[in-house]
PDB file of N, CA and C in Angstrom:
ATOM      1  N   UNK A   1       0.861  -1.173   0.016  1.00  0.00           N
ATOM      2  CA  UNK A   1       0.000   0.011   0.005  1.00  0.00           C
ATOM      3  C   UNK A   1       0.903   1.232  -0.003  1.00  0.00           C
ATOM      4  N   UNK A   2       0.625   2.139  -0.931  1.00  0.00           N
ATOM      5  CA  UNK A   2       1.504   3.297  -1.060  1.00  0.00           C
ATOM      6  C   UNK A   2       1.316   4.269   0.133  1.00  0.00           C
ATOM      7  N   UNK A   3       2.283   5.158   0.278  1.00  0.00           N
ATOM      8  CA  UNK A   3       2.314   6.070   1.426  1.00  0.00           C
ATOM      9  C   UNK A   3       1.142   7.040   1.378  1.00  0.00           C
ATOM     10  N   UNK A   4       0.717   7.477   0.224  1.00  0.00           N
ATOM     11  CA  UNK A   4      -0.395   8.382   0.088  1.00  0.00           C
ATOM     12  C   UNK A   4      -1.688   7.750   0.578  1.00  0.00           C
ATOM     13  N   UNK A   5      -1.912   6.503   0.198  1.00  0.00           N
ATOM     14  CA  UNK A   5      -3.121   5.810   0.672  1.00  0.00           C
ATOM     15  C   UNK A   5      -3.077   5.563   2.174  1.00  0.00           C
ATOM     16  N   UNK A   6      -1.892   5.267   2.723  1.00  0.00           N
ATOM     17  CA  UNK A   6      -1.794   5.123   4.157  1.00  0.00           C
ATOM     18  C   UNK A   6      -2.172   6.419   4.843  1.00  0.00           C
ATOM     19  N   UNK A   7      -1.744   7.545   4.346  1.00  0.00           N
ATOM     20  CA  UNK A   7      -2.084   8.835   4.961  1.00  0.00           C
ATOM     21  C   UNK A   7      -3.578   9.102   4.854  1.00  0.00           C
ATOM     22  N   UNK A   8      -4.180   8.745   3.716  1.00  0.00           N
ATOM     23  CA  UNK A   8      -5.616   8.933   3.564  1.00  0.00           C
ATOM     24  C   UNK A   8      -6.389   8.079   4.593  1.00  0.00           C
ATOM     25  N   UNK A   9      -5.933   6.863   4.786  1.00  0.00           N
ATOM     26  CA  UNK A   9      -6.612   5.972   5.738  1.00  0.00           C
ATOM     27  C   UNK A   9      -6.531   6.521   7.152  1.00  0.00           C
ATOM     28  N   UNK A  10      -5.396   7.073   7.509  1.00  0.00           N
ATOM     29  CA  UNK A  10      -5.272   7.690   8.845  1.00  0.00           C
ATOM     30  C   UNK A  10      -6.248   8.842   8.952  1.00  0.00           C
ATOM     31  N   UNK A  11      -6.321   9.673   7.925  1.00  0.00           N
ATOM     32  CA  UNK A  11      -7.232  10.827   7.946  1.00  0.00           C
ATOM     33  C   UNK A  11      -8.707  10.359   8.084  1.00  0.00           C
ATOM     34  N   UNK A  12      -9.084   9.358   7.301  1.00  0.00           N
ATOM     35  CA  UNK A  12     -10.454   8.829   7.418  1.00  0.00           C
ATOM     36  C   UNK A  12     -10.730   8.260   8.781  1.00  0.00           C
ATOM     37  N   UNK A  13      -9.772   7.572   9.344  1.00  0.00           N
ATOM     38  CA  UNK A  13      -9.939   6.994  10.684  1.00  0.00           C
ATOM     39  C   UNK A  13     -10.134   8.068  11.729  1.00  0.00           C
ATOM     40  N   UNK A  14      -9.356   9.115  11.640  1.00  0.00           N
ATOM     41  CA  UNK A  14      -9.485  10.225  12.579  1.00  0.00           C
ATOM     42  C   UNK A  14     -10.840  10.930  12.403  1.00  0.00           C
ATOM     43  N   UNK A  15     -11.289  11.049  11.169  1.00  0.00           N
ATOM     44  CA  UNK A  15     -12.525  11.771  10.891  1.00  0.00           C
ATOM     45  C   UNK A  15     -13.778  10.951  11.268  1.00  0.00           C
ATOM     46  N   UNK A  16     -13.759   9.634  10.925  1.00  0.00           N
ATOM     47  CA  UNK A  16     -14.957   8.808  11.090  1.00  0.00           C
ATOM     48  C   UNK A  16     -14.879   7.778  12.192  1.00  0.00           C
ATOM     49  N   UNK A  17     -13.687   7.476  12.691  1.00  0.00           N
ATOM     50  CA  UNK A  17     -13.522   6.447  13.704  1.00  0.00           C
ATOM     51  C   UNK A  17     -13.367   5.089  13.071  1.00  0.00           C
ATOM     52  N   UNK A  18     -12.487   4.260  13.622  1.00  0.00           N
ATOM     53  CA  UNK A  18     -12.210   2.963  13.008  1.00  0.00           C
ATOM     54  C   UNK A  18     -13.404   1.998  13.073  1.00  0.00           C
ATOM     55  N   UNK A  19     -14.327   2.234  14.005  1.00  0.00           N
ATOM     56  CA  UNK A  19     -15.490   1.381  14.105  1.00  0.00           C
ATOM     57  C   UNK A  19     -16.484   1.614  12.976  1.00  0.00           C
ATOM     58  N   UNK A  20     -16.308   2.707  12.241  1.00  0.00           N
ATOM     59  CA  UNK A  20     -17.221   3.066  11.157  1.00  0.00           C
ATOM     60  C   UNK A  20     -16.635   2.861   9.773  1.00  0.00           C
ATOM     61  N   UNK A  21     -15.482   2.227   9.701  1.00  0.00           N
ATOM     62  CA  UNK A  21     -14.803   2.046   8.426  1.00  0.00           C
ATOM     63  C   UNK A  21     -14.448   0.585   8.162  1.00  0.00           C
ATOM     64  N   UNK A  22     -14.459   0.221   6.914  1.00  0.00           N
ATOM     65  CA  UNK A  22     -13.821  -1.034   6.461  1.00  0.00           C
ATOM     66  C   UNK A  22     -12.953  -0.644   5.267  1.00  0.00           C
ATOM     67  N   UNK A  23     -11.999  -1.510   4.959  1.00  0.00           N
ATOM     68  CA  UNK A  23     -11.130  -1.300   3.802  1.00  0.00           C
ATOM     69  C   UNK A  23     -11.447  -2.405   2.794  1.00  0.00           C
ATOM     70  N   UNK A  24     -11.683  -2.003   1.571  1.00  0.00           N
ATOM     71  CA  UNK A  24     -11.957  -2.958   0.493  1.00  0.00           C
ATOM     72  C   UNK A  24     -10.718  -3.006  -0.373  1.00  0.00           C
ATOM     73  N   UNK A  25     -10.172  -4.205  -0.473  1.00  0.00           N
ATOM     74  CA  UNK A  25      -8.928  -4.456  -1.214  1.00  0.00           C
ATOM     75  C   UNK A  25      -9.278  -5.098  -2.543  1.00  0.00           C
ATOM     76  N   UNK A  26      -8.569  -4.713  -3.574  1.00  0.00           N
ATOM     77  CA  UNK A  26      -8.831  -5.278  -4.898  1.00  0.00           C
ATOM     78  C   UNK A  26      -7.606  -5.911  -5.526  1.00  0.00           C
ATOM     79  N   UNK A  27      -6.583  -6.185  -4.736  1.00  0.00           N
ATOM     80  CA  UNK A  27      -5.323  -6.741  -5.285  1.00  0.00           C
ATOM     81  C   UNK A  27      -5.516  -8.092  -5.922  1.00  0.00           C
ATOM     82  N   UNK A  28      -4.669  -8.372  -6.912  1.00  0.00           N
ATOM     83  CA  UNK A  28      -4.775  -9.617  -7.647  1.00  0.00           C
ATOM     84  C   UNK A  28      -3.866 -10.722  -7.169  1.00  0.00           C
ATOM     85  N   UNK A  29      -3.205 -10.522  -6.024  1.00  0.00           N
ATOM     86  CA  UNK A  29      -2.262 -11.502  -5.527  1.00  0.00           C
ATOM     87  C   UNK A  29      -2.424 -11.643  -4.012  1.00  0.00           C
ATOM     88  N   UNK A  30      -2.399 -12.843  -3.513  1.00  0.00           N
ATOM     89  CA  UNK A  30      -2.698 -13.087  -2.101  1.00  0.00           C
ATOM     90  C   UNK A  30      -1.729 -12.356  -1.164  1.00  0.00           C
ATOM     91  N   UNK A  31      -0.444 -12.437  -1.427  1.00  0.00           N
ATOM     92  CA  UNK A  31       0.529 -11.829  -0.529  1.00  0.00           C
ATOM     93  C   UNK A  31       0.360 -10.297  -0.454  1.00  0.00           C
ATOM     94  N   UNK A  32       0.166  -9.673  -1.584  1.00  0.00           N
ATOM     95  CA  UNK A  32      -0.003  -8.213  -1.611  1.00  0.00           C
ATOM     96  C   UNK A  32      -1.287  -7.797  -0.933  1.00  0.00           C
ATOM     97  N   UNK A  33      -2.352  -8.574  -1.140  1.00  0.00           N
ATOM     98  CA  UNK A  33      -3.639  -8.281  -0.514  1.00  0.00           C
ATOM     99  C   UNK A  33      -3.525  -8.458   0.992  1.00  0.00           C
ATOM    100  N   UNK A  34      -2.823  -9.490   1.426  1.00  0.00           N
ATOM    101  CA  UNK A  34      -2.603  -9.717   2.850  1.00  0.00           C
ATOM    102  C   UNK A  34      -1.779  -8.619   3.467  1.00  0.00           C
ATOM    103  N   UNK A  35      -0.781  -8.135   2.766  1.00  0.00           N
ATOM    104  CA  UNK A  35       0.041  -7.030   3.277  1.00  0.00           C
ATOM    105  C   UNK A  35      -0.803  -5.779   3.480  1.00  0.00           C
ATOM    106  N   UNK A  36      -1.684  -5.498   2.524  1.00  0.00           N
ATOM    107  CA  UNK A  36      -2.577  -4.341   2.670  1.00  0.00           C
ATOM    108  C   UNK A  36      -3.488  -4.508   3.873  1.00  0.00           C
ATOM    109  N   UNK A  37      -4.051  -5.717   4.047  1.00  0.00           N
ATOM    110  CA  UNK A  37      -4.948  -5.982   5.179  1.00  0.00           C
ATOM    111  C   UNK A  37      -4.203  -5.861   6.479  1.00  0.00           C
ATOM    112  N   UNK A  38      -2.988  -6.368   6.527  1.00  0.00           N
ATOM    113  CA  UNK A  38      -2.161  -6.260   7.734  1.00  0.00           C
ATOM    114  C   UNK A  38      -1.830  -4.801   8.053  1.00  0.00           C
ATOM    115  N   UNK A  39      -1.545  -4.027   7.040  1.00  0.00           N
ATOM    116  CA  UNK A  39      -1.185  -2.624   7.218  1.00  0.00           C
ATOM    117  C   UNK A  39      -2.302  -1.851   7.883  1.00  0.00           C
ATOM    118  N   UNK A  40      -3.543  -2.063   7.469  1.00  0.00           N
ATOM    119  CA  UNK A  40      -4.655  -1.296   8.042  1.00  0.00           C
ATOM    120  C   UNK A  40      -5.154  -1.849   9.354  1.00  0.00           C
ATOM    121  N   UNK A  41      -4.763  -3.072   9.673  1.00  0.00           N
ATOM    122  CA  UNK A  41      -5.217  -3.636  10.956  1.00  0.00           C
ATOM    123  C   UNK A  41      -4.171  -3.506  12.050  1.00  0.00           C
ATOM    124  N   UNK A  42      -2.957  -3.942  11.766  1.00  0.00           N
ATOM    125  CA  UNK A  42      -1.942  -3.934  12.820  1.00  0.00           C
ATOM    126  C   UNK A  42      -0.794  -2.948  12.600  1.00  0.00           C
ATOM    127  N   UNK A  43      -0.785  -2.307  11.437  1.00  0.00           N
ATOM    128  CA  UNK A  43       0.282  -1.350  11.131  1.00  0.00           C
ATOM    129  C   UNK A  43       1.145  -1.839   9.990  1.00  0.00           C
ATOM    130  N   UNK A  44       1.862  -0.942   9.350  1.00  0.00           N
ATOM    131  CA  UNK A  44       2.667  -1.247   8.206  1.00  0.00           C
ATOM    132  C   UNK A  44       3.863  -2.126   8.624  1.00  0.00           C
ATOM    133  N   UNK A  45       3.880  -3.400   8.229  1.00  0.00           N
ATOM    134  CA  UNK A  45       4.967  -4.279   8.638  1.00  0.00           C
ATOM    135  C   UNK A  45       6.321  -3.951   8.010  1.00  0.00           C
ATOM    136  N   UNK A  46       6.300  -3.137   6.952  1.00  0.00           N
ATOM    137  CA  UNK A  46       7.551  -2.752   6.332  1.00  0.00           C
ATOM    138  C   UNK A  46       8.161  -1.518   6.989  1.00  0.00           C
ATOM    139  N   UNK A  47       7.407  -0.882   7.889  1.00  0.00           N
ATOM    140  CA  UNK A  47       7.850   0.306   8.589  1.00  0.00           C
ATOM    141  C   UNK A  47       8.315   1.407   7.630  1.00  0.00           C
ATOM    142  N   UNK A  48       7.606   1.508   6.474  1.00  0.00           N
ATOM    143  CA  UNK A  48       8.009   2.473   5.472  1.00  0.00           C
ATOM    144  C   UNK A  48       7.013   3.623   5.320  1.00  0.00           C
ATOM    145  N   UNK A  49       5.857   3.513   5.929  1.00  0.00           N
ATOM    146  CA  UNK A  49       4.846   4.518   5.717  1.00  0.00           C
ATOM    147  C   UNK A  49       4.272   5.083   6.987  1.00  0.00           C
ATOM    148  N   UNK A  50       3.278   5.970   6.823  1.00  0.00           N
ATOM    149  CA  UNK A  50       2.627   6.615   7.958  1.00  0.00           C
ATOM    150  C   UNK A  50       1.977   5.615   8.945  1.00  0.00           C
ATOM    151  N   UNK A  51       1.655   4.409   8.483  1.00  0.00           N
ATOM    152  CA  UNK A  51       1.029   3.420   9.363  1.00  0.00           C
ATOM    153  C   UNK A  51       2.059   2.504  10.047  1.00  0.00           C
ATOM    154  N   UNK A  52       3.323   2.815   9.926  1.00  0.00           N
ATOM    155  CA  UNK A  52       4.364   2.042  10.602  1.00  0.00           C
ATOM    156  C   UNK A  52       4.140   2.155  12.102  1.00  0.00           C
ATOM    157  N   UNK A  53       3.893   1.007  12.752  1.00  0.00           N
ATOM    158  CA  UNK A  53       3.665   0.996  14.190  1.00  0.00           C
ATOM    159  C   UNK A  53       2.357   1.586  14.639  1.00  0.00           C
ATOM    160  N   UNK A  54       1.408   1.757  13.701  1.00  0.00           N
ATOM    161  CA  UNK A  54       0.104   2.335  13.998  1.00  0.00           C
ATOM    162  C   UNK A  54      -0.984   1.291  13.779  1.00  0.00           C
ATOM    163  N   UNK A  55      -1.402   0.613  14.814  1.00  0.00           N
ATOM    164  CA  UNK A  55      -2.452  -0.424  14.672  1.00  0.00           C
ATOM    165  C   UNK A  55      -3.848   0.194  14.667  1.00  0.00           C
ATOM    166  N   UNK A  56      -4.397   0.446  13.495  1.00  0.00           N
ATOM    167  CA  UNK A  56      -5.712   1.092  13.406  1.00  0.00           C
ATOM    168  C   UNK A  56      -6.859   0.132  13.734  1.00  0.00           C
ATOM    169  N   UNK A  57      -6.626  -1.169  13.598  1.00  0.00           N
ATOM    170  CA  UNK A  57      -7.658  -2.135  13.893  1.00  0.00           C
ATOM    171  C   UNK A  57      -8.804  -2.156  12.880  1.00  0.00           C
ATOM    172  N   UNK A  58      -8.549  -1.679  11.671  1.00  0.00           N
ATOM    173  CA  UNK A  58      -9.594  -1.678  10.644  1.00  0.00           C
ATOM    174  C   UNK A  58      -9.764  -3.093  10.076  1.00  0.00           C
ATOM    175  N   UNK A  59     -10.985  -3.378   9.719  1.00  0.00           N
ATOM    176  CA  UNK A  59     -11.275  -4.661   9.072  1.00  0.00           C
ATOM    177  C   UNK A  59     -11.152  -4.483   7.565  1.00  0.00           C
ATOM    178  N   UNK A  60     -10.437  -5.402   6.948  1.00  0.00           N
ATOM    179  CA  UNK A  60     -10.242  -5.350   5.530  1.00  0.00           C
ATOM    180  C   UNK A  60     -10.894  -6.563   4.865  1.00  0.00           C
ATOM    181  N   UNK A  61     -11.510  -6.329   3.740  1.00  0.00           N
ATOM    182  CA  UNK A  61     -12.177  -7.357   2.950  1.00  0.00           C
ATOM    183  C   UNK A  61     -11.674  -7.261   1.505  1.00  0.00           C
ATOM    184  N   UNK A  62     -11.528  -8.371   0.870  1.00  0.00           N
ATOM    185  CA  UNK A  62     -11.232  -8.341  -0.563  1.00  0.00           C
ATOM    186  C   UNK A  62     -12.577  -8.213  -1.286  1.00  0.00           C
ATOM    187  N   UNK A  63     -12.572  -7.518  -2.383  1.00  0.00           N
ATOM    188  CA  UNK A  63     -13.805  -7.322  -3.148  1.00  0.00           C
ATOM    189  C   UNK A  63     -14.495  -8.650  -3.478  1.00  0.00           C
ATOM    190  N   UNK A  64     -13.718  -9.708  -3.642  1.00  0.00           N
ATOM    191  CA  UNK A  64     -14.287 -11.022  -3.911  1.00  0.00           C
ATOM    192  C   UNK A  64     -15.233 -11.467  -2.767  1.00  0.00           C
ATOM    193  N   UNK A  65     -14.925 -11.058  -1.541  1.00  0.00           N
ATOM    194  CA  UNK A  65     -15.754 -11.434  -0.399  1.00  0.00           C
ATOM    195  C   UNK A  65     -17.080 -10.667  -0.371  1.00  0.00           C
ATOM    196  N   UNK A  66     -17.129  -9.580  -1.084  1.00  0.00           N
ATOM    197  CA  UNK A  66     -18.294  -8.715  -1.015  1.00  0.00           C
ATOM    198  C   UNK A  66     -19.192  -8.848  -2.243  1.00  0.00           C
ATOM    199  N   UNK A  67     -18.980  -9.907  -3.014  1.00  0.00           N
ATOM    200  CA  UNK A  67     -19.687 -10.103  -4.273  1.00  0.00           C
ATOM    201  C   UNK A  67     -21.204  -9.983  -4.098  1.00  0.00           C
ATOM    202  N   UNK A  68     -21.749 -10.556  -3.049  1.00  0.00           N
ATOM    203  CA  UNK A  68     -23.202 -10.539  -2.848  1.00  0.00           C
ATOM    204  C   UNK A  68     -23.733  -9.147  -2.464  1.00  0.00           C
ATOM    205  N   UNK A  69     -22.839  -8.242  -2.139  1.00  0.00           N
ATOM    206  CA  UNK A  69     -23.239  -6.894  -1.746  1.00  0.00           C
ATOM    207  C   UNK A  69     -23.133  -5.865  -2.870  1.00  0.00           C
ATOM    208  N   UNK A  70     -22.563  -6.292  -3.992  1.00  0.00           N
ATOM    209  CA  UNK A  70     -22.328  -5.406  -5.107  1.00  0.00           C
ATOM    210  C   UNK A  70     -23.383  -5.693  -6.172  1.00  0.00           C
ATOM    211  N   UNK A  71     -23.866  -4.623  -6.806  1.00  0.00           N
ATOM    212  CA  UNK A  71     -24.803  -4.776  -7.912  1.00  0.00           C
ATOM    213  C   UNK A  71     -24.231  -5.809  -8.901  1.00  0.00           C
ATOM    214  N   UNK A  72     -25.028  -6.804  -9.223  1.00  0.00           N
ATOM    215  CA  UNK A  72     -24.580  -7.934 -10.058  1.00  0.00           C
ATOM    216  C   UNK A  72     -24.036  -7.463 -11.414  1.00  0.00           C
ATOM    217  N   UNK A  73     -24.689  -6.504 -12.023  1.00  0.00           N
ATOM    218  CA  UNK A  73     -24.223  -6.021 -13.332  1.00  0.00           C
ATOM    219  C   UNK A  73     -22.876  -5.317 -13.215  1.00  0.00           C
ATOM    220  N   UNK A  74     -22.685  -4.555 -12.161  1.00  0.00           N
ATOM    221  CA  UNK A  74     -21.407  -3.856 -11.948  1.00  0.00           C
ATOM    222  C   UNK A  74     -20.309  -4.869 -11.654  1.00  0.00           C
ATOM    223  N   UNK A  75     -20.599  -5.828 -10.785  1.00  0.00           N
ATOM    224  CA  UNK A  75     -19.605  -6.844 -10.451  1.00  0.00           C
ATOM    225  C   UNK A  75     -19.226  -7.616 -11.728  1.00  0.00           C
ATOM    226  N   UNK A  76     -20.212  -7.981 -12.501  1.00  0.00           N
ATOM    227  CA  UNK A  76     -19.953  -8.760 -13.722  1.00  0.00           C
ATOM    228  C   UNK A  76     -19.072  -7.937 -14.672  1.00  0.00           C
ATOM    229  N   UNK A  77     -19.364  -6.690 -14.847  1.00  0.00           N
ATOM    230  CA  UNK A  77     -18.611  -5.839 -15.768  1.00  0.00           C
ATOM    231  C   UNK A  77     -17.191  -5.552 -15.279  1.00  0.00           C
ATOM    232  N   UNK A  78     -17.048  -5.315 -13.959  1.00  0.00           N
ATOM    233  CA  UNK A  78     -15.772  -4.823 -13.442  1.00  0.00           C
ATOM    234  C   UNK A  78     -14.867  -5.872 -12.823  1.00  0.00           C
ATOM    235  N   UNK A  79     -15.427  -6.965 -12.335  1.00  0.00           N
ATOM    236  CA  UNK A  79     -14.650  -7.884 -11.468  1.00  0.00           C
ATOM    237  C   UNK A  79     -14.709  -9.346 -11.895  1.00  0.00           C
ATOM    238  N   UNK A  80     -15.794  -9.779 -12.456  1.00  0.00           N
ATOM    239  CA  UNK A  80     -15.970 -11.218 -12.693  1.00  0.00           C
ATOM    240  C   UNK A  80     -14.912 -11.843 -13.548  1.00  0.00           C
ATOM    241  N   UNK A  81     -14.363 -11.123 -14.496  1.00  0.00           N
ATOM    242  CA  UNK A  81     -13.303 -11.670 -15.349  1.00  0.00           C
ATOM    243  C   UNK A  81     -12.084 -12.055 -14.500  1.00  0.00           C
ATOM    244  N   UNK A  82     -11.788 -11.266 -13.486  1.00  0.00           N
ATOM    245  CA  UNK A  82     -10.652 -11.539 -12.645  1.00  0.00           C
ATOM    246  C   UNK A  82     -10.846 -12.812 -11.826  1.00  0.00           C
ATOM    247  N   UNK A  83     -12.081 -13.134 -11.482  1.00  0.00           N
ATOM    248  CA  UNK A  83     -12.331 -14.366 -10.759  1.00  0.00           C
ATOM    249  C   UNK A  83     -11.875 -15.602 -11.526  1.00  0.00           C
ATOM    250  N   UNK A  84     -11.916 -15.488 -12.835  1.00  0.00           N
ATOM    251  CA  UNK A  84     -11.528 -16.631 -13.679  1.00  0.00           C
ATOM    252  C   UNK A  84     -10.033 -16.865 -13.778  1.00  0.00           C
ATOM    253  N   UNK A  85      -9.257 -15.804 -13.522  1.00  0.00           N
ATOM    254  CA  UNK A  85      -7.798 -15.927 -13.728  1.00  0.00           C
ATOM    255  C   UNK A  85      -6.973 -15.845 -12.457  1.00  0.00           C
ATOM    256  N   UNK A  86      -7.605 -15.431 -11.362  1.00  0.00           N
ATOM    257  CA  UNK A  86      -6.872 -15.283 -10.086  1.00  0.00           C
ATOM    258  C   UNK A  86      -7.200 -16.434  -9.143  1.00  0.00           C
ATOM    259  N   UNK A  87      -6.339 -16.642  -8.178  1.00  0.00           N
ATOM    260  CA  UNK A  87      -6.583 -17.649  -7.141  1.00  0.00           C
ATOM    261  C   UNK A  87      -7.410 -17.014  -6.029  1.00  0.00           C
ATOM    262  N   UNK A  88      -8.717 -16.978  -6.246  1.00  0.00           N
ATOM    263  CA  UNK A  88      -9.650 -16.291  -5.350  1.00  0.00           C
ATOM    264  C   UNK A  88      -9.553 -16.866  -3.936  1.00  0.00           C
ATOM    265  N   UNK A  89      -9.522 -18.169  -3.809  1.00  0.00           N
ATOM    266  CA  UNK A  89      -9.498 -18.782  -2.486  1.00  0.00           C
ATOM    267  C   UNK A  89      -8.259 -18.381  -1.688  1.00  0.00           C
ATOM    268  N   UNK A  90      -7.118 -18.348  -2.333  1.00  0.00           N
ATOM    269  CA  UNK A  90      -5.884 -17.957  -1.650  1.00  0.00           C
ATOM    270  C   UNK A  90      -5.903 -16.494  -1.241  1.00  0.00           C
ATOM    271  N   UNK A  91      -6.415 -15.634  -2.118  1.00  0.00           N
ATOM    272  CA  UNK A  91      -6.496 -14.210  -1.823  1.00  0.00           C
ATOM    273  C   UNK A  91      -7.414 -13.972  -0.619  1.00  0.00           C
ATOM    274  N   UNK A  92      -8.613 -14.559  -0.661  1.00  0.00           N
ATOM    275  CA  UNK A  92      -9.585 -14.382   0.410  1.00  0.00           C
ATOM    276  C   UNK A  92      -9.030 -14.925   1.748  1.00  0.00           C
ATOM    277  N   UNK A  93      -8.446 -16.115   1.701  1.00  0.00           N
ATOM    278  CA  UNK A  93      -7.885 -16.699   2.895  1.00  0.00           C
ATOM    279  C   UNK A  93      -6.826 -15.793   3.548  1.00  0.00           C
ATOM    280  N   UNK A  94      -5.972 -15.220   2.700  1.00  0.00           N
ATOM    281  CA  UNK A  94      -4.919 -14.361   3.216  1.00  0.00           C
ATOM    282  C   UNK A  94      -5.491 -13.091   3.866  1.00  0.00           C
ATOM    283  N   UNK A  95      -6.461 -12.492   3.224  1.00  0.00           N
ATOM    284  CA  UNK A  95      -7.065 -11.262   3.767  1.00  0.00           C
ATOM    285  C   UNK A  95      -7.840 -11.560   5.074  1.00  0.00           C
ATOM    286  N   UNK A  96      -8.531 -12.679   5.089  1.00  0.00           N
ATOM    287  CA  UNK A  96      -9.308 -13.059   6.306  1.00  0.00           C
ATOM    288  C   UNK A  96      -8.403 -13.247   7.517  1.00  0.00           C
ATOM    289  N   UNK A  97      -7.186 -13.648   7.276  1.00  0.00           N
ATOM    290  CA  UNK A  97      -6.223 -13.855   8.385  1.00  0.00           C
ATOM    291  C   UNK A  97      -6.136 -12.642   9.294  1.00  0.00           C
ATOM    292  N   UNK A  98      -6.234 -11.479   8.746  1.00  0.00           N
ATOM    293  CA  UNK A  98      -6.046 -10.241   9.512  1.00  0.00           C
ATOM    294  C   UNK A  98      -7.310  -9.710  10.146  1.00  0.00           C
ATOM    295  N   UNK A  99      -8.416 -10.426   9.945  1.00  0.00           N
ATOM    296  CA  UNK A  99      -9.663 -10.052  10.644  1.00  0.00           C
ATOM    297  C   UNK A  99      -9.899 -10.904  11.874  1.00  0.00           C
ATOM    298  N   UNK A 100      -9.045 -11.883  12.101  1.00  0.00           N
ATOM    299  CA  UNK A 100      -9.270 -12.806  13.227  1.00  0.00           C
ATOM    300  C   UNK A 100      -8.465 -12.387  14.444  1.00  0.00           C
TER     301      UNK A 100
END
């Protein structure tokens, strides 16, 4: 997760409170998606950004987990193709790790 997005997440958390936010991840690789989920929950593990050592406790979900909550036509147009080529189970499992 880039430094600018980390700063935005801090700002949103300060403005709305972590209990009122979730993070939706759209990464195409399990490790990168897990790193993003870890960053917003327990802090940036690379210690390279504004969230280094800052455990916000935010819950992160991959967009694949929210399929039933997204308009079917939008999901089909924007995301469904990726389900066919990515390891959805591995990505979801990795992101879920940081919500437990």
